[in-house]
C-alpha atoms as a PDB file:
ATOM      1  CA  MET A   1      -4.310 -17.104   8.323  1.00  0.00           C
ATOM      2  CA  ALA A   2      -5.504 -13.776   9.728  1.00  0.00           C
ATOM      3  CA  PRO A   3      -3.658 -10.566   8.790  1.00  0.00           C
ATOM      4  CA  GLU A   4      -1.226  -9.057  11.295  1.00  0.00           C
ATOM      5  CA  LEU A   5      -2.687  -5.626  10.557  1.00  0.00           C
ATOM      6  CA  SER A   6      -5.760  -4.410   8.674  1.00  0.00           C
ATOM      7  CA  VAL A   7      -6.332  -0.708   7.967  1.00  0.00           C
ATOM      8  CA  PRO A   8      -8.718   1.367   5.842  1.00  0.00           C
ATOM      9  CA  VAL A   9      -6.924   3.004   2.904  1.00  0.00           C
ATOM     10  CA  LEU A  10      -7.242   4.745  -0.429  1.00  0.00           C
ATOM     11  CA  TRP A  11      -5.050   3.035  -3.032  1.00  0.00           C
ATOM     12  CA  SER A  12      -4.113   2.983  -6.691  1.00  0.00           C
ATOM     13  CA  VAL A  13      -1.597   1.404  -9.049  1.00  0.00           C
ATOM     14  CA  ASP A  14       0.474   3.528 -11.424  1.00  0.00           C
ATOM     15  CA  ARG A  15      -1.575   6.664 -10.690  1.00  0.00           C
ATOM     16  CA  ALA A  16      -4.830   5.124 -11.904  1.00  0.00           C
ATOM     17  CA  PRO A  17      -7.970   6.470 -10.226  1.00  0.00           C
ATOM     18  CA  HIS A  18      -7.839   5.515  -6.552  1.00  0.00           C
ATOM     19  CA  VAL A  19     -10.310   3.320  -4.723  1.00  0.00           C
ATOM     20  CA  ALA A  20     -11.350   3.216  -1.086  1.00  0.00           C
ATOM     21  CA  GLY A  21     -10.722  -0.095   0.582  1.00  0.00           C
ATOM     22  CA  ARG A  22      -8.587  -2.022   3.001  1.00  0.00           C
ATOM     23  CA  LEU A  23      -4.964  -3.072   3.304  1.00  0.00           C
ATOM     24  CA  ASP A  24      -4.371  -6.415   4.995  1.00  0.00           C
ATOM     25  CA  LEU A  25      -0.763  -6.968   5.988  1.00  0.00           C
ATOM     26  CA  TYR A  26       0.445 -10.547   6.403  1.00  0.00           C
ATOM     27  CA  ARG A  27       3.903 -11.733   7.441  1.00  0.00           C
ATOM     28  CA  ASP A  28       5.031 -12.243   3.821  1.00  0.00           C
ATOM     29  CA  ARG A  29       2.642 -10.202   1.665  1.00  0.00           C
ATOM     30  CA  LEU A  30       0.148  -7.408   1.509  1.00  0.00           C
ATOM     31  CA  HIS A  31      -3.394  -7.639   0.178  1.00  0.00           C
ATOM     32  CA  LEU A  32      -5.352  -4.633  -1.063  1.00  0.00           C
ATOM     33  CA  ASP A  33      -9.091  -4.804  -1.597  1.00  0.00           C
ATOM     34  CA  GLY A  34     -11.407  -1.997  -2.591  1.00  0.00           C
ATOM     35  CA  GLY A  35     -13.734  -0.349  -5.032  1.00  0.00           C
ATOM     36  CA  SER A  36     -17.450  -0.619  -5.386  1.00  0.00           C
ATOM     37  CA  ARG A  37     -19.799  -3.538  -5.730  1.00  0.00           C
ATOM     38  CA  ASP A  38     -19.730  -3.077  -9.518  1.00  0.00           C
ATOM     39  CA  ASP A  39     -15.976  -2.355  -9.767  1.00  0.00           C
ATOM     40  CA  ARG A  40     -14.172  -4.504  -7.191  1.00  0.00           C
ATOM     41  CA  ARG A  41     -10.364  -4.430  -7.269  1.00  0.00           C
ATOM     42  CA  THR A  42      -7.844  -6.558  -5.420  1.00  0.00           C
ATOM     43  CA  LEU A  43      -4.067  -6.747  -5.457  1.00  0.00           C
ATOM     44  CA  ASP A  44      -1.726  -9.177  -3.728  1.00  0.00           C
ATOM     45  CA  VAL A  45       1.964  -8.267  -3.451  1.00  0.00           C
ATOM     46  CA  GLY A  46       4.523 -10.684  -2.048  1.00  0.00           C
ATOM     47  CA  GLY A  47       7.534  -9.371  -0.187  1.00  0.00           C
ATOM     48  CA  ALA A  48       9.864 -10.633  -2.946  1.00  0.00           C
ATOM     49  CA  GLU A  49       8.055  -8.409  -5.481  1.00  0.00           C
ATOM     50  CA  ILE A  50       8.867  -5.191  -3.570  1.00  0.00           C
ATOM     51  CA  ALA A  51      11.872  -3.150  -4.739  1.00  0.00           C
ATOM     52  CA  ALA A  52      11.475  -0.076  -2.490  1.00  0.00           C
ATOM     53  CA  VAL A  53       9.153   1.621  -0.019  1.00  0.00           C
ATOM     54  CA  ARG A  54       8.994   5.361   0.684  1.00  0.00           C
ATOM     55  CA  ILE A  55       6.634   8.089   1.860  1.00  0.00           C
ATOM     56  CA  GLY A  56       5.470  10.387  -0.959  1.00  0.00           C
ATOM     57  CA  ARG A  57       4.596  13.947   0.037  1.00  0.00           C
ATOM     58  CA  GLU A  58       4.912  15.747  -3.311  1.00  0.00           C
ATOM     59  CA  GLY A  59       1.740  17.052  -4.913  1.00  0.00           C
ATOM     60  CA  GLY A  60       1.799  14.436  -7.690  1.00  0.00           C
ATOM     61  CA  ASP A  61       2.219  11.606  -5.199  1.00  0.00           C
ATOM     62  CA  ARG A  62      -0.729  12.490  -2.979  1.00  0.00           C
ATOM     63  CA  ILE A  63      -4.171  10.899  -3.009  1.00  0.00           C
ATOM     64  CA  GLY A  64      -6.972  13.254  -2.016  1.00  0.00           C
ATOM     65  CA  GLY A  65      -4.400  15.649  -0.537  1.00  0.00           C
ATOM     66  CA  ARG A  66      -2.980  12.931   1.736  1.00  0.00           C
ATOM     67  CA  ALA A  67       0.656  11.831   1.836  1.00  0.00           C
ATOM     68  CA  VAL A  68       1.038   8.295   0.518  1.00  0.00           C
ATOM     69  CA  LEU A  69       3.125   5.215   0.991  1.00  0.00           C
ATOM     70  CA  LEU A  70       4.738   4.403  -2.369  1.00  0.00           C
ATOM     71  CA  VAL A  71       5.485   0.711  -2.813  1.00  0.00           C
ATOM     72  CA  GLU A  72       7.714   0.326  -5.858  1.00  0.00           C
ATOM     73  CA  LEU A  73       7.562  -3.145  -7.354  1.00  0.00           C
ATOM     74  CA  ARG A  74      10.344  -4.982  -9.169  1.00  0.00           C
ATOM     75  CA  ASP A  75       8.274  -5.002 -12.381  1.00  0.00           C
ATOM     76  CA  GLY A  76       8.228  -1.164 -12.379  1.00  0.00           C
ATOM     77  CA  ALA A  77       4.664  -0.687 -11.112  1.00  0.00           C
ATOM     78  CA  VAL A  78       4.073   1.685  -8.197  1.00  0.00           C
ATOM     79  CA  VAL A  79       1.328   1.111  -5.642  1.00  0.00           C
ATOM     80  CA  SER A  80       0.191   4.284  -3.836  1.00  0.00           C
ATOM     81  CA  ILE A  81      -1.470   3.858  -0.442  1.00  0.00           C
ATOM     82  CA  ALA A  82      -3.006   6.654   1.641  1.00  0.00           C
ATOM     83  CA  GLY A  83      -3.950   5.763   5.196  1.00  0.00           C
ATOM     84  CA  LEU A  84      -7.325   6.867   6.517  1.00  0.00           C
ATOM     85  CA  GLN A  85      -6.254   6.714  10.158  1.00  0.00           C
ATOM     86  CA  THR A  86      -3.520   8.667  11.929  1.00  0.00           C
ATOM     87  CA  ALA A  87      -0.428  10.193  10.327  1.00  0.00           C
ATOM     88  CA  GLY A  88       1.689   7.504  12.001  1.00  0.00           C
ATOM     89  CA  THR A  89      -0.122   4.785  10.057  1.00  0.00           C
ATOM     90  CA  LEU A  90       2.032   5.361   6.954  1.00  0.00           C
ATOM     91  CA  HIS A  91       5.257   5.126   8.924  1.00  0.00           C
ATOM     92  CA  GLU A  92       4.142   1.916  10.642  1.00  0.00           C
ATOM     93  CA  LEU A  93       3.115   0.407   7.301  1.00  0.00           C
ATOM     94  CA  ALA A  94       6.425   1.435   5.711  1.00  0.00           C
ATOM     95  CA  GLU A  95       8.402  -0.267   8.487  1.00  0.00           C
ATOM     96  CA  ARG A  96       6.346  -3.450   8.352  1.00  0.00           C
ATOM     97  CA  ILE A  97       6.434  -3.692   4.537  1.00  0.00           C
ATOM     98  CA  GLU A  98      10.184  -3.059   4.445  1.00  0.00           C
ATOM     99  CA  ALA A  99      10.626  -5.847   7.013  1.00  0.00           C
ATOM    100  CA  MET A 100       8.978  -8.355   4.628  1.00  0.00           C
ATOM    101  CA  THR A 101      11.265  -7.369   1.736  1.00  0.00           C
ATOM    102  CA  PRO A 102      14.117  -9.842   1.214  1.00  0.00           C
ATOM    103  CA  GLY A 103      17.445  -8.505   2.449  1.00  0.00           C
ATOM    104  CA  ARG A 104      15.813  -5.799   4.569  1.00  0.00           C
ATOM    105  CA  GLY A 105      13.829  -7.628   7.236  1.00  0.00           C
END
């Protein structure tokens, strides 16, 4: 199945060093892929794993000076995603990810 949306992003988990890559958004999950040829990283997050979604604008939240989408997972991990397109990209992603979260969509 093809993703509903695919965008270039910078991303990290729990404030680890970020990687450049891509976010693929499916109806029921998101897939992050990035890194280098020697250090490839991927992460799949199902809608049921998501506890909260918010835009982070504080200095400690930012990646490379960019505001981020913070996806808080039920296990306590936090995925930070900075869009490499327009400012509206984060808001669109937030709405779409919230829609896949049980009880919110």
